[in-house]
Amino acid sequence: MRSAIDRVVFSRSLTPEEREVVGIYVASVLISSPLEENYYYVDLGNVNDKDTSMKILTFSSKEVQWQANELMCTDLQAVYAIAEYDGFYEELMELLWVNEVNDYDRYIAQTEATLAGDEPVRYCIARSEKDALFYFNSILGFEDIITIRKDNEEIF
């Protein structure tokens, strides 16, 4: 398992003045949750615009390692991709599915809320129903899935 500091990604290089302040703050975040195996993305404002804002985004190790495995990249590259290119993986899978590259299918998760019409139907592109179930449960956080069904009808 990676050390806590090895699970932190910065949006840009730090200036010498920022290293001390940001380092102390990030260390305090890491110390406050030592049992958590999370990855962190520190979004720093643009140094040229004198933007001094800072946001720390937290991602579960399960999500990061799954994304890294799917994109065939390192964990830290996956953190960067999740933080900076939200939806990239989903768009890539949809593009592969539409163009019939590899053996991908579209799966729809039905929950009580989607059946009642309270929420829109959610789908994912995956290689198998097992992969789709993992995505819906672990990545999207669905807990009340009634059924998952294959639906390869294009809706464009």
C-alpha atoms as a PDB file:
ATOM      1  CA  MET A   1       0.000   0.000   0.000  1.00  0.00           C
ATOM      2  CA  ARG A   2       1.212   3.471  -0.802  1.00  0.00           C
ATOM      3  CA  SER A   3       2.089   5.895   1.981  1.00  0.00           C
ATOM      4  CA  ALA A   4      -0.276   8.793   2.565  1.00  0.00           C
ATOM      5  CA  ILE A   5       1.929  11.354   0.857  1.00  0.00           C
ATOM      6  CA  ASP A   6       2.247   9.071  -2.196  1.00  0.00           C
ATOM      7  CA  ARG A   7      -1.529   9.323  -2.605  1.00  0.00           C
ATOM      8  CA  VAL A   8      -1.589  13.122  -3.102  1.00  0.00           C
ATOM      9  CA  VAL A   9      -1.711  14.777  -6.529  1.00  0.00           C
ATOM     10  CA  PHE A  10      -1.322  18.521  -7.045  1.00  0.00           C
ATOM     11  CA  SER A  11      -2.958  20.353  -9.939  1.00  0.00           C
ATOM     12  CA  ARG A  12       0.267  22.249 -10.622  1.00  0.00           C
ATOM     13  CA  SER A  13       3.784  22.700  -9.294  1.00  0.00           C
ATOM     14  CA  LEU A  14       4.087  24.609  -6.046  1.00  0.00           C
ATOM     15  CA  THR A  15       6.037  27.826  -5.714  1.00  0.00           C
ATOM     16  CA  PRO A  16       8.629  27.870  -2.922  1.00  0.00           C
ATOM     17  CA  GLU A  17       6.321  30.094  -0.835  1.00  0.00           C
ATOM     18  CA  GLU A  18       3.410  27.693  -1.269  1.00  0.00           C
ATOM     19  CA  ARG A  19       5.326  24.545  -0.348  1.00  0.00           C
ATOM     20  CA  GLU A  20       5.428  25.287   3.353  1.00  0.00           C
ATOM     21  CA  VAL A  21       1.834  26.487   3.778  1.00  0.00           C
ATOM     22  CA  VAL A  22       0.259  23.885   1.511  1.00  0.00           C
ATOM     23  CA  GLY A  23       2.463  21.150   2.951  1.00  0.00           C
ATOM     24  CA  ILE A  24       1.315  21.858   6.496  1.00  0.00           C
ATOM     25  CA  TYR A  25      -2.333  21.935   5.470  1.00  0.00           C
ATOM     26  CA  VAL A  26      -2.144  18.728   3.438  1.00  0.00           C
ATOM     27  CA  ALA A  27      -0.259  16.999   6.258  1.00  0.00           C
ATOM     28  CA  SER A  28      -3.032  17.963   8.686  1.00  0.00           C
ATOM     29  CA  VAL A  29      -5.633  16.468   6.337  1.00  0.00           C
ATOM     30  CA  LEU A  30      -3.643  13.245   6.051  1.00  0.00           C
ATOM     31  CA  ILE A  31      -3.141  13.014   9.818  1.00  0.00           C
ATOM     32  CA  SER A  32      -6.843  13.589  10.512  1.00  0.00           C
ATOM     33  CA  SER A  33      -7.815  10.441   8.593  1.00  0.00           C
ATOM     34  CA  PRO A  34      -4.916   8.000   9.023  1.00  0.00           C
ATOM     35  CA  LEU A  35      -7.056   4.875   8.685  1.00  0.00           C
ATOM     36  CA  GLU A  36      -8.593   5.984   5.418  1.00  0.00           C
ATOM     37  CA  GLU A  37      -6.942   4.685   2.281  1.00  0.00           C
ATOM     38  CA  ASN A  38      -8.016   7.629   0.150  1.00  0.00           C
ATOM     39  CA  TYR A  39      -6.312   9.480  -2.655  1.00  0.00           C
ATOM     40  CA  TYR A  40      -6.271  13.266  -2.641  1.00  0.00           C
ATOM     41  CA  TYR A  41      -6.250  15.820  -5.429  1.00  0.00           C
ATOM     42  CA  VAL A  42      -5.143  19.290  -4.340  1.00  0.00           C
ATOM     43  CA  ASP A  43      -6.600  21.829  -6.755  1.00  0.00           C
ATOM     44  CA  LEU A  44      -4.570  25.015  -6.482  1.00  0.00           C
ATOM     45  CA  GLY A  45      -5.570  28.299  -8.050  1.00  0.00           C
ATOM     46  CA  ASN A  46      -3.684  29.676 -11.021  1.00  0.00           C
ATOM     47  CA  VAL A  47      -0.439  31.258  -9.831  1.00  0.00           C
ATOM     48  CA  ASN A  48      -0.427  33.726 -12.757  1.00  0.00           C
ATOM     49  CA  ASP A  49      -3.877  35.061 -11.836  1.00  0.00           C
ATOM     50  CA  LYS A  50      -2.855  35.438  -8.183  1.00  0.00           C
ATOM     51  CA  ASP A  51      -5.673  32.996  -7.372  1.00  0.00           C
ATOM     52  CA  THR A  52      -4.966  31.723  -3.857  1.00  0.00           C
ATOM     53  CA  SER A  53      -7.831  29.253  -3.637  1.00  0.00           C
ATOM     54  CA  MET A  54      -7.216  25.635  -2.736  1.00  0.00           C
ATOM     55  CA  LYS A  55      -9.583  22.659  -2.759  1.00  0.00           C
ATOM     56  CA  ILE A  56      -8.795  19.140  -1.678  1.00  0.00           C
ATOM     57  CA  LEU A  57     -10.825  16.440  -3.399  1.00  0.00           C
ATOM     58  CA  THR A  58     -10.915  12.966  -1.875  1.00  0.00           C
ATOM     59  CA  PHE A  59     -11.311   9.758  -3.850  1.00  0.00           C
ATOM     60  CA  SER A  60     -11.635   6.247  -2.461  1.00  0.00           C
ATOM     61  CA  SER A  61      -8.794   3.861  -3.215  1.00  0.00           C
ATOM     62  CA  LYS A  62     -11.309   1.421  -4.692  1.00  0.00           C
ATOM     63  CA  GLU A  63     -12.449   3.996  -7.270  1.00  0.00           C
ATOM     64  CA  VAL A  64      -8.912   5.129  -8.115  1.00  0.00           C
ATOM     65  CA  GLN A  65      -7.499   1.637  -8.483  1.00  0.00           C
ATOM     66  CA  TRP A  66     -10.488   0.550 -10.580  1.00  0.00           C
ATOM     67  CA  GLN A  67     -10.046   3.582 -12.850  1.00  0.00           C
ATOM     68  CA  ALA A  68      -6.283   2.951 -13.097  1.00  0.00           C
ATOM     69  CA  ASN A  69      -6.931  -0.663 -14.050  1.00  0.00           C
ATOM     70  CA  GLU A  70      -9.541   0.290 -16.653  1.00  0.00           C
ATOM     71  CA  LEU A  71      -7.409   3.047 -18.205  1.00  0.00           C
ATOM     72  CA  MET A  72      -4.176   1.036 -17.817  1.00  0.00           C
ATOM     73  CA  CYS A  73      -2.384   3.854 -16.012  1.00  0.00           C
ATOM     74  CA  THR A  74      -0.873   4.529 -12.596  1.00  0.00           C
ATOM     75  CA  ASP A  75      -2.999   5.326  -9.557  1.00  0.00           C
ATOM     76  CA  LEU A  76      -1.851   8.945  -9.568  1.00  0.00           C
ATOM     77  CA  GLN A  77      -2.641   9.335 -13.259  1.00  0.00           C
ATOM     78  CA  ALA A  78      -6.100   7.952 -12.507  1.00  0.00           C
ATOM     79  CA  VAL A  79      -6.575  10.526  -9.723  1.00  0.00           C
ATOM     80  CA  TYR A  80      -5.638  13.273 -12.158  1.00  0.00           C
ATOM     81  CA  ALA A  81      -8.002  11.883 -14.807  1.00  0.00           C
ATOM     82  CA  ILE A  82     -10.907  11.646 -12.364  1.00  0.00           C
ATOM     83  CA  ALA A  83     -10.355  15.159 -11.028  1.00  0.00           C
ATOM     84  CA  GLU A  84      -9.521  17.017 -14.231  1.00  0.00           C
ATOM     85  CA  TYR A  85     -11.498  15.064 -16.824  1.00  0.00           C
ATOM     86  CA  ASP A  86     -14.739  14.140 -15.104  1.00  0.00           C
ATOM     87  CA  GLY A  87     -16.670  11.738 -17.312  1.00  0.00           C
ATOM     88  CA  PHE A  88     -13.694  10.834 -19.512  1.00  0.00           C
ATOM     89  CA  TYR A  89     -13.925   7.112 -18.802  1.00  0.00           C
ATOM     90  CA  GLU A  90     -17.676   7.022 -19.426  1.00  0.00           C
ATOM     91  CA  GLU A  91     -17.332   8.930 -22.714  1.00  0.00           C
ATOM     92  CA  LEU A  92     -14.498   6.659 -23.829  1.00  0.00           C
ATOM     93  CA  MET A  93     -16.517   3.512 -23.079  1.00  0.00           C
ATOM     94  CA  GLU A  94     -19.547   4.901 -24.893  1.00  0.00           C
ATOM     95  CA  LEU A  95     -17.412   5.743 -27.926  1.00  0.00           C
ATOM     96  CA  LEU A  96     -15.965   2.221 -27.964  1.00  0.00           C
ATOM     97  CA  TRP A  97     -19.439   0.702 -27.585  1.00  0.00           C
ATOM     98  CA  VAL A  98     -21.031   2.816 -30.343  1.00  0.00           C
ATOM     99  CA  ASN A  99     -18.209   1.915 -32.734  1.00  0.00           C
ATOM    100  CA  GLU A 100     -18.334  -1.761 -31.694  1.00  0.00           C
ATOM    101  CA  VAL A 101     -14.728  -1.832 -30.534  1.00  0.00           C
ATOM    102  CA  ASN A 102     -14.088  -4.842 -28.274  1.00  0.00           C
ATOM    103  CA  ASP A 103     -16.887  -6.713 -26.560  1.00  0.00           C
ATOM    104  CA  TYR A 104     -18.683  -3.982 -24.641  1.00  0.00           C
ATOM    105  CA  ASP A 105     -22.382  -3.922 -23.844  1.00  0.00           C
ATOM    106  CA  ARG A 106     -24.567  -1.275 -22.269  1.00  0.00           C
ATOM    107  CA  TYR A 107     -26.142  -2.230 -18.949  1.00  0.00           C
ATOM    108  CA  ILE A 108     -28.987  -0.454 -17.212  1.00  0.00           C
ATOM    109  CA  ALA A 109     -29.431  -0.510 -13.443  1.00  0.00           C
ATOM    110  CA  GLN A 110     -33.014  -0.423 -12.250  1.00  0.00           C
ATOM    111  CA  THR A 111     -33.723   0.762  -8.744  1.00  0.00           C
ATOM    112  CA  GLU A 112     -36.952   1.563  -6.930  1.00  0.00           C
ATOM    113  CA  ALA A 113     -36.410   5.253  -7.707  1.00  0.00           C
ATOM    114  CA  THR A 114     -35.889   4.694 -11.442  1.00  0.00           C
ATOM    115  CA  LEU A 115     -38.921   2.410 -11.676  1.00  0.00           C
ATOM    116  CA  ALA A 116     -41.057   5.029  -9.906  1.00  0.00           C
ATOM    117  CA  GLY A 117     -39.734   7.709 -12.273  1.00  0.00           C
ATOM    118  CA  ASP A 118     -38.132   9.703  -9.452  1.00  0.00           C
ATOM    119  CA  GLU A 119     -34.645   9.370 -10.935  1.00  0.00           C
ATOM    120  CA  PRO A 120     -33.399   8.978 -14.500  1.00  0.00           C
ATOM    121  CA  VAL A 121     -32.300   5.523 -15.614  1.00  0.00           C
ATOM    122  CA  ARG A 122     -28.536   5.133 -15.262  1.00  0.00           C
ATOM    123  CA  TYR A 123     -26.444   3.004 -17.529  1.00  0.00           C
ATOM    124  CA  CYS A 124     -22.847   2.001 -18.019  1.00  0.00           C
ATOM    125  CA  ILE A 125     -20.763   0.359 -20.703  1.00  0.00           C
ATOM    126  CA  ALA A 126     -19.030  -2.783 -19.450  1.00  0.00           C
ATOM    127  CA  ARG A 127     -17.662  -6.120 -20.581  1.00  0.00           C
ATOM    128  CA  SER A 128     -19.968  -8.186 -18.370  1.00  0.00           C
ATOM    129  CA  GLU A 129     -22.867  -7.950 -15.958  1.00  0.00           C
ATOM    130  CA  LYS A 130     -20.408  -8.537 -13.105  1.00  0.00           C
ATOM    131  CA  ASP A 131     -18.332  -5.504 -14.205  1.00  0.00           C
ATOM    132  CA  ALA A 132     -21.513  -3.432 -14.518  1.00  0.00           C
ATOM    133  CA  LEU A 133     -22.626  -4.440 -11.012  1.00  0.00           C
ATOM    134  CA  PHE A 134     -19.242  -3.430  -9.598  1.00  0.00           C
ATOM    135  CA  TYR A 135     -19.445  -0.063 -11.385  1.00  0.00           C
ATOM    136  CA  PHE A 136     -22.975   0.647 -10.168  1.00  0.00           C
ATOM    137  CA  ASN A 137     -22.271  -0.458  -6.580  1.00  0.00           C
ATOM    138  CA  SER A 138     -18.711   0.663  -5.956  1.00  0.00           C
ATOM    139  CA  ILE A 139     -18.234   3.636  -8.273  1.00  0.00           C
ATOM    140  CA  LEU A 140     -21.708   5.170  -8.486  1.00  0.00           C
ATOM    141  CA  GLY A 141     -22.702   4.013  -5.001  1.00  0.00           C
ATOM    142  CA  PHE A 142     -26.079   2.446  -5.856  1.00  0.00           C
ATOM    143  CA  GLU A 143     -27.279   0.374  -2.922  1.00  0.00           C
ATOM    144  CA  ASP A 144     -30.821  -0.498  -3.948  1.00  0.00           C
ATOM    145  CA  ILE A 145     -30.352  -2.149  -7.331  1.00  0.00           C
ATOM    146  CA  ILE A 146     -33.260  -4.382  -8.211  1.00  0.00           C
ATOM    147  CA  THR A 147     -31.877  -5.650 -11.474  1.00  0.00           C
ATOM    148  CA  ILE A 148     -29.235  -5.013 -14.083  1.00  0.00           C
ATOM    149  CA  ARG A 149     -30.108  -5.714 -17.671  1.00  0.00           C
ATOM    150  CA  LYS A 150     -28.251  -5.569 -20.955  1.00  0.00           C
ATOM    151  CA  ASP A 151     -29.653  -2.914 -23.316  1.00  0.00           C
ATOM    152  CA  ASN A 152     -27.727  -2.366 -26.528  1.00  0.00           C
ATOM    153  CA  GLU A 153     -30.373  -0.245 -28.263  1.00  0.00           C
ATOM    154  CA  GLU A 154     -28.808   3.055 -29.336  1.00  0.00           C
ATOM    155  CA  ILE A 155     -30.571   6.108 -27.895  1.00  0.00           C
ATOM    156  CA  PHE A 156     -28.932   8.877 -29.919  1.00  0.00           C
END
